[in-house]
Amino acid sequence: RRSWLFLILSGLATGASWLFYFQALQ
């Protein structure tokens, strides 16, 4: 469960990073 939690949180952080990165790149 702990790994699931942190992998999900990591995925959310990745998603946010990509969204901001693409906006900045544009």
PDB file of all heavy atoms in Angstrom:
ATOM      1  N   ARG A   1       0.835  -1.205   0.000  1.00  0.00           N
ATOM      2  CA  ARG A   1       0.000   0.000   0.000  1.00  0.00           C
ATOM      3  C   ARG A   1       0.870   1.255   0.000  1.00  0.00           C
ATOM      4  O   ARG A   1       0.576   2.239  -0.661  1.00  0.00           O
ATOM      5  CB  ARG A   1      -0.922   0.013   1.210  1.00  0.00           C
ATOM      6  CG  ARG A   1      -2.067  -0.957   1.084  1.00  0.00           C
ATOM      7  CD  ARG A   1      -2.956  -0.863   2.312  1.00  0.00           C
ATOM      8  NE  ARG A   1      -3.987  -1.872   2.234  1.00  0.00           N
ATOM      9  CZ  ARG A   1      -5.264  -1.641   2.444  1.00  0.00           C
ATOM     10  NH1 ARG A   1      -5.662  -0.438   2.797  1.00  0.00           N
ATOM     11  NH2 ARG A   1      -6.144  -2.602   2.333  1.00  0.00           N
ATOM     12  N   ARG A   2       1.938   1.209   0.788  1.00  0.00           N
ATOM     13  CA  ARG A   2       2.853   2.360   0.870  1.00  0.00           C
ATOM     14  C   ARG A   2       3.459   2.647  -0.501  1.00  0.00           C
ATOM     15  O   ARG A   2       3.524   3.800  -0.939  1.00  0.00           O
ATOM     16  CB  ARG A   2       3.950   2.074   1.892  1.00  0.00           C
ATOM     17  CG  ARG A   2       4.929   3.205   2.089  1.00  0.00           C
ATOM     18  CD  ARG A   2       5.947   2.867   3.198  1.00  0.00           C
ATOM     19  NE  ARG A   2       6.735   4.011   3.575  1.00  0.00           N
ATOM     20  CZ  ARG A   2       7.856   4.386   2.988  1.00  0.00           C
ATOM     21  NH1 ARG A   2       8.339   3.682   1.977  1.00  0.00           N
ATOM     22  NH2 ARG A   2       8.522   5.451   3.399  1.00  0.00           N
ATOM     23  N   SER A   3       3.903   1.596  -1.193  1.00  0.00           N
ATOM     24  CA  SER A   3       4.471   1.788  -2.530  1.00  0.00           C
ATOM     25  C   SER A   3       3.422   2.334  -3.493  1.00  0.00           C
ATOM     26  O   SER A   3       3.708   3.234  -4.292  1.00  0.00           O
ATOM     27  CB  SER A   3       5.067   0.491  -3.061  1.00  0.00           C
ATOM     28  OG  SER A   3       6.254   0.176  -2.364  1.00  0.00           O
ATOM     29  N   TRP A   4       2.203   1.790  -3.427  1.00  0.00           N
ATOM     30  CA  TRP A   4       1.117   2.304  -4.276  1.00  0.00           C
ATOM     31  C   TRP A   4       0.924   3.798  -4.035  1.00  0.00           C
ATOM     32  O   TRP A   4       0.835   4.581  -4.976  1.00  0.00           O
ATOM     33  CB  TRP A   4      -0.209   1.586  -3.996  1.00  0.00           C
ATOM     34  CG  TRP A   4      -0.403   0.330  -4.798  1.00  0.00           C
ATOM     35  CD1 TRP A   4      -0.395  -0.948  -4.327  1.00  0.00           C
ATOM     36  CD2 TRP A   4      -0.642   0.217  -6.206  1.00  0.00           C
ATOM     37  NE1 TRP A   4      -0.605  -1.838  -5.355  1.00  0.00           N
ATOM     38  CE2 TRP A   4      -0.766  -1.144  -6.517  1.00  0.00           C
ATOM     39  CE3 TRP A   4      -0.761   1.148  -7.232  1.00  0.00           C
ATOM     40  CZ2 TRP A   4      -1.002  -1.611  -7.810  1.00  0.00           C
ATOM     41  CZ3 TRP A   4      -1.000   0.691  -8.530  1.00  0.00           C
ATOM     42  CH2 TRP A   4      -1.108  -0.672  -8.798  1.00  0.00           C
ATOM     43  N   LEU A   5       0.860   4.189  -2.764  1.00  0.00           N
ATOM     44  CA  LEU A   5       0.652   5.590  -2.414  1.00  0.00           C
ATOM     45  C   LEU A   5       1.729   6.475  -3.018  1.00  0.00           C
ATOM     46  O   LEU A   5       1.447   7.478  -3.691  1.00  0.00           O
ATOM     47  CB  LEU A   5       0.613   5.770  -0.891  1.00  0.00           C
ATOM     48  CG  LEU A   5       0.596   7.216  -0.398  1.00  0.00           C
ATOM     49  CD1 LEU A   5      -0.701   7.917  -0.809  1.00  0.00           C
ATOM     50  CD2 LEU A   5       0.787   7.270   1.109  1.00  0.00           C
ATOM     51  N   PHE A   6       2.993   6.094  -2.808  1.00  0.00           N
ATOM     52  CA  PHE A   6       4.084   6.935  -3.291  1.00  0.00           C
ATOM     53  C   PHE A   6       4.236   6.884  -4.811  1.00  0.00           C
ATOM     54  O   PHE A   6       4.632   7.880  -5.427  1.00  0.00           O
ATOM     55  CB  PHE A   6       5.389   6.608  -2.563  1.00  0.00           C
ATOM     56  CG  PHE A   6       5.416   7.219  -1.186  1.00  0.00           C
ATOM     57  CD1 PHE A   6       5.061   6.474  -0.078  1.00  0.00           C
ATOM     58  CD2 PHE A   6       5.759   8.548  -1.021  1.00  0.00           C
ATOM     59  CE1 PHE A   6       5.049   7.045   1.191  1.00  0.00           C
ATOM     60  CE2 PHE A   6       5.761   9.122   0.238  1.00  0.00           C
ATOM     61  CZ  PHE A   6       5.400   8.375   1.349  1.00  0.00           C
ATOM     62  N   LEU A   7       3.908   5.762  -5.430  1.00  0.00           N
ATOM     63  CA  LEU A   7       3.934   5.704  -6.895  1.00  0.00           C
ATOM     64  C   LEU A   7       2.826   6.579  -7.483  1.00  0.00           C
ATOM     65  O   LEU A   7       3.033   7.265  -8.496  1.00  0.00           O
ATOM     66  CB  LEU A   7       3.801   4.259  -7.377  1.00  0.00           C
ATOM     67  CG  LEU A   7       5.037   3.390  -7.122  1.00  0.00           C
ATOM     68  CD1 LEU A   7       4.734   1.931  -7.438  1.00  0.00           C
ATOM     69  CD2 LEU A   7       6.228   3.892  -7.919  1.00  0.00           C
ATOM     70  N   ILE A   8       1.661   6.586  -6.847  1.00  0.00           N
ATOM     71  CA  ILE A   8       0.564   7.450  -7.303  1.00  0.00           C
ATOM     72  C   ILE A   8       0.940   8.917  -7.125  1.00  0.00           C
ATOM     73  O   ILE A   8       0.745   9.740  -8.029  1.00  0.00           O
ATOM     74  CB  ILE A   8      -0.745   7.098  -6.570  1.00  0.00           C
ATOM     75  CG1 ILE A   8      -1.250   5.730  -7.060  1.00  0.00           C
ATOM     76  CG2 ILE A   8      -1.803   8.178  -6.769  1.00  0.00           C
ATOM     77  CD1 ILE A   8      -2.354   5.132  -6.209  1.00  0.00           C
ATOM     78  N   LEU A   9       1.495   9.257  -5.957  1.00  0.00           N
ATOM     79  CA  LEU A   9       1.930  10.633  -5.728  1.00  0.00           C
ATOM     80  C   LEU A   9       3.012  11.048  -6.731  1.00  0.00           C
ATOM     81  O   LEU A   9       3.005  12.169  -7.253  1.00  0.00           O
ATOM     82  CB  LEU A   9       2.433  10.806  -4.293  1.00  0.00           C
ATOM     83  CG  LEU A   9       1.369  10.732  -3.200  1.00  0.00           C
ATOM     84  CD1 LEU A   9       2.026  10.736  -1.823  1.00  0.00           C
ATOM     85  CD2 LEU A   9       0.354  11.855  -3.336  1.00  0.00           C
ATOM     86  N   SER A  10       3.935  10.131  -7.021  1.00  0.00           N
ATOM     87  CA  SER A  10       4.976  10.396  -8.012  1.00  0.00           C
ATOM     88  C   SER A  10       4.357  10.630  -9.388  1.00  0.00           C
ATOM     89  O   SER A  10       4.786  11.521 -10.134  1.00  0.00           O
ATOM     90  CB  SER A  10       5.953   9.227  -8.060  1.00  0.00           C
ATOM     91  OG  SER A  10       6.884   9.395  -9.104  1.00  0.00           O
ATOM     92  N   GLY A  11       3.362   9.840  -9.727  1.00  0.00           N
ATOM     93  CA  GLY A  11       2.663  10.019 -11.003  1.00  0.00           C
ATOM     94  C   GLY A  11       1.974  11.366 -11.097  1.00  0.00           C
ATOM     95  O   GLY A  11       2.010  12.030 -12.141  1.00  0.00           O
ATOM     96  N   LEU A  12       1.352  11.787  -9.995  1.00  0.00           N
ATOM     97  CA  LEU A  12       0.709  13.106  -9.979  1.00  0.00           C
ATOM     98  C   LEU A  12       1.745  14.217 -10.129  1.00  0.00           C
ATOM     99  O   LEU A  12       1.527  15.190 -10.852  1.00  0.00           O
ATOM    100  CB  LEU A  12      -0.093  13.283  -8.684  1.00  0.00           C
ATOM    101  CG  LEU A  12      -1.345  12.412  -8.558  1.00  0.00           C
ATOM    102  CD1 LEU A  12      -1.929  12.509  -7.151  1.00  0.00           C
ATOM    103  CD2 LEU A  12      -2.386  12.807  -9.606  1.00  0.00           C
ATOM    104  N   ALA A  13       2.883  14.057  -9.458  1.00  0.00           N
ATOM    105  CA  ALA A  13       3.957  15.049  -9.587  1.00  0.00           C
ATOM    106  C   ALA A  13       4.496  15.070 -11.018  1.00  0.00           C
ATOM    107  O   ALA A  13       4.760  16.150 -11.576  1.00  0.00           O
ATOM    108  CB  ALA A  13       5.084  14.741  -8.593  1.00  0.00           C
ATOM    109  N   THR A  14       4.638  13.904 -11.633  1.00  0.00           N
ATOM    110  CA  THR A  14       5.095  13.831 -13.023  1.00  0.00           C
ATOM    111  C   THR A  14       4.109  14.538 -13.939  1.00  0.00           C
ATOM    112  O   THR A  14       4.505  15.322 -14.811  1.00  0.00           O
ATOM    113  CB  THR A  14       5.259  12.365 -13.470  1.00  0.00           C
ATOM    114  OG1 THR A  14       6.257  11.753 -12.667  1.00  0.00           O
ATOM    115  CG2 THR A  14       5.639  12.260 -14.936  1.00  0.00           C
ATOM    116  N   GLY A  15       2.830  14.261 -13.744  1.00  0.00           N
ATOM    117  CA  GLY A  15       1.799  14.907 -14.560  1.00  0.00           C
ATOM    118  C   GLY A  15       1.844  16.418 -14.431  1.00  0.00           C
ATOM    119  O   GLY A  15       1.791  17.157 -15.423  1.00  0.00           O
ATOM    120  N   ALA A  16       1.952  16.915 -13.208  1.00  0.00           N
ATOM    121  CA  ALA A  16       2.032  18.356 -12.991  1.00  0.00           C
ATOM    122  C   ALA A  16       3.296  18.922 -13.655  1.00  0.00           C
ATOM    123  O   ALA A  16       3.246  19.968 -14.313  1.00  0.00           O
ATOM    124  CB  ALA A  16       2.031  18.666 -11.492  1.00  0.00           C
ATOM    125  N   SER A  17       4.411  18.214 -13.496  1.00  0.00           N
ATOM    126  CA  SER A  17       5.661  18.649 -14.111  1.00  0.00           C
ATOM    127  C   SER A  17       5.514  18.756 -15.623  1.00  0.00           C
ATOM    128  O   SER A  17       5.912  19.748 -16.230  1.00  0.00           O
ATOM    129  CB  SER A  17       6.776  17.667 -13.755  1.00  0.00           C
ATOM    130  OG  SER A  17       7.947  17.963 -14.469  1.00  0.00           O
ATOM    131  N   TRP A  18       4.941  17.747 -16.243  1.00  0.00           N
ATOM    132  CA  TRP A  18       4.767  17.751 -17.695  1.00  0.00           C
ATOM    133  C   TRP A  18       3.847  18.875 -18.149  1.00  0.00           C
ATOM    134  O   TRP A  18       4.108  19.537 -19.156  1.00  0.00           O
ATOM    135  CB  TRP A  18       4.232  16.410 -18.176  1.00  0.00           C
ATOM    136  CG  TRP A  18       5.221  15.290 -18.142  1.00  0.00           C
ATOM    137  CD1 TRP A  18       6.515  15.347 -17.718  1.00  0.00           C
ATOM    138  CD2 TRP A  18       4.981  13.955 -18.533  1.00  0.00           C
ATOM    139  NE1 TRP A  18       7.095  14.101 -17.826  1.00  0.00           N
ATOM    140  CE2 TRP A  18       6.175  13.224 -18.322  1.00  0.00           C
ATOM    141  CE3 TRP A  18       3.886  13.274 -19.029  1.00  0.00           C
ATOM    142  CZ2 TRP A  18       6.295  11.868 -18.607  1.00  0.00           C
ATOM    143  CZ3 TRP A  18       3.995  11.924 -19.309  1.00  0.00           C
ATOM    144  CH2 TRP A  18       5.195  11.235 -19.105  1.00  0.00           C
ATOM    145  N   LEU A  19       2.753  19.088 -17.421  1.00  0.00           N
ATOM    146  CA  LEU A  19       1.820  20.148 -17.805  1.00  0.00           C
ATOM    147  C   LEU A  19       2.499  21.520 -17.746  1.00  0.00           C
ATOM    148  O   LEU A  19       2.390  22.322 -18.679  1.00  0.00           O
ATOM    149  CB  LEU A  19       0.581  20.122 -16.910  1.00  0.00           C
ATOM    150  CG  LEU A  19      -0.367  18.950 -17.148  1.00  0.00           C
ATOM    151  CD1 LEU A  19      -1.385  18.853 -16.010  1.00  0.00           C
ATOM    152  CD2 LEU A  19      -1.084  19.081 -18.485  1.00  0.00           C
ATOM    153  N   PHE A  20       3.209  21.780 -16.654  1.00  0.00           N
ATOM    154  CA  PHE A  20       3.907  23.058 -16.529  1.00  0.00           C
ATOM    155  C   PHE A  20       5.047  23.173 -17.536  1.00  0.00           C
ATOM    156  O   PHE A  20       5.287  24.246 -18.104  1.00  0.00           O
ATOM    157  CB  PHE A  20       4.438  23.251 -15.103  1.00  0.00           C
ATOM    158  CG  PHE A  20       3.355  23.509 -14.098  1.00  0.00           C
ATOM    159  CD1 PHE A  20       3.217  22.698 -12.988  1.00  0.00           C
ATOM    160  CD2 PHE A  20       2.453  24.559 -14.255  1.00  0.00           C
ATOM    161  CE1 PHE A  20       2.221  22.923 -12.051  1.00  0.00           C
ATOM    162  CE2 PHE A  20       1.458  24.801 -13.328  1.00  0.00           C
ATOM    163  CZ  PHE A  20       1.335  23.987 -12.217  1.00  0.00           C
ATOM    164  N   TYR A  21       5.743  22.075 -17.770  1.00  0.00           N
ATOM    165  CA  TYR A  21       6.862  22.073 -18.714  1.00  0.00           C
ATOM    166  C   TYR A  21       6.377  22.402 -20.120  1.00  0.00           C
ATOM    167  O   TYR A  21       6.959  23.243 -20.807  1.00  0.00           O
ATOM    168  CB  TYR A  21       7.557  20.711 -18.680  1.00  0.00           C
ATOM    169  CG  TYR A  21       8.703  20.584 -19.656  1.00  0.00           C
ATOM    170  CD1 TYR A  21       9.914  21.208 -19.402  1.00  0.00           C
ATOM    171  CD2 TYR A  21       8.565  19.853 -20.825  1.00  0.00           C
ATOM    172  CE1 TYR A  21      10.977  21.106 -20.292  1.00  0.00           C
ATOM    173  CE2 TYR A  21       9.609  19.743 -21.722  1.00  0.00           C
ATOM    174  CZ  TYR A  21      10.810  20.368 -21.453  1.00  0.00           C
ATOM    175  OH  TYR A  21      11.852  20.266 -22.331  1.00  0.00           O
ATOM    176  N   PHE A  22       5.312  21.757 -20.558  1.00  0.00           N
ATOM    177  CA  PHE A  22       4.809  21.996 -21.907  1.00  0.00           C
ATOM    178  C   PHE A  22       4.283  23.415 -22.057  1.00  0.00           C
ATOM    179  O   PHE A  22       4.469  24.049 -23.100  1.00  0.00           O
ATOM    180  CB  PHE A  22       3.738  20.973 -22.276  1.00  0.00           C
ATOM    181  CG  PHE A  22       4.273  19.790 -23.037  1.00  0.00           C
ATOM    182  CD1 PHE A  22       5.423  19.136 -22.628  1.00  0.00           C
ATOM    183  CD2 PHE A  22       3.640  19.339 -24.182  1.00  0.00           C
ATOM    184  CE1 PHE A  22       5.920  18.061 -23.335  1.00  0.00           C
ATOM    185  CE2 PHE A  22       4.130  18.262 -24.897  1.00  0.00           C
ATOM    186  CZ  PHE A  22       5.283  17.610 -24.474  1.00  0.00           C
ATOM    187  N   GLN A  23       3.635  23.943 -21.000  1.00  0.00           N
ATOM    188  CA  GLN A  23       3.164  25.327 -21.046  1.00  0.00           C
ATOM    189  C   GLN A  23       4.353  26.275 -21.166  1.00  0.00           C
ATOM    190  O   GLN A  23       4.348  27.198 -21.967  1.00  0.00           O
ATOM    191  CB  GLN A  23       2.341  25.646 -19.798  1.00  0.00           C
ATOM    192  CG  GLN A  23       1.723  27.033 -19.810  1.00  0.00           C
ATOM    193  CD  GLN A  23       0.648  27.196 -20.863  1.00  0.00           C
ATOM    194  OE1 GLN A  23      -0.208  26.341 -21.039  1.00  0.00           O
ATOM    195  NE2 GLN A  23       0.680  28.305 -21.584  1.00  0.00           N
ATOM    196  N   ALA A  24       5.391  26.055 -20.354  1.00  0.00           N
ATOM    197  CA  ALA A  24       6.593  26.886 -20.398  1.00  0.00           C
ATOM    198  C   ALA A  24       7.277  26.769 -21.762  1.00  0.00           C
ATOM    199  O   ALA A  24       7.718  27.778 -22.336  1.00  0.00           O
ATOM    200  CB  ALA A  24       7.562  26.491 -19.285  1.00  0.00           C
ATOM    201  N   LEU A  25       7.349  25.544 -22.284  1.00  0.00           N
ATOM    202  CA  LEU A  25       8.004  25.321 -23.573  1.00  0.00           C
ATOM    203  C   LEU A  25       7.238  26.003 -24.701  1.00  0.00           C
ATOM    204  O   LEU A  25       7.841  26.544 -25.628  1.00  0.00           O
ATOM    205  CB  LEU A  25       8.121  23.815 -23.833  1.00  0.00           C
ATOM    206  CG  LEU A  25       9.117  23.341 -24.862  1.00  0.00           C
ATOM    207  CD1 LEU A  25      10.526  23.821 -24.531  1.00  0.00           C
ATOM    208  CD2 LEU A  25       9.092  21.820 -24.943  1.00  0.00           C
ATOM    209  N   GLN A  26       5.922  26.011 -24.591  1.00  0.00           N
ATOM    210  CA  GLN A  26       5.113  26.665 -25.619  1.00  0.00           C
ATOM    211  C   GLN A  26       5.310  28.186 -25.589  1.00  0.00           C
ATOM    212  O   GLN A  26       5.334  28.833 -26.620  1.00  0.00           O
ATOM    213  CB  GLN A  26       3.636  26.328 -25.429  1.00  0.00           C
ATOM    214  CG  GLN A  26       2.754  26.784 -26.574  1.00  0.00           C
ATOM    215  CD  GLN A  26       1.377  26.178 -26.497  1.00  0.00           C
ATOM    216  OE1 GLN A  26       0.732  26.250 -25.464  1.00  0.00           O
ATOM    217  NE2 GLN A  26       0.932  25.556 -27.577  1.00  0.00           N
TER     218      GLN A  26
END
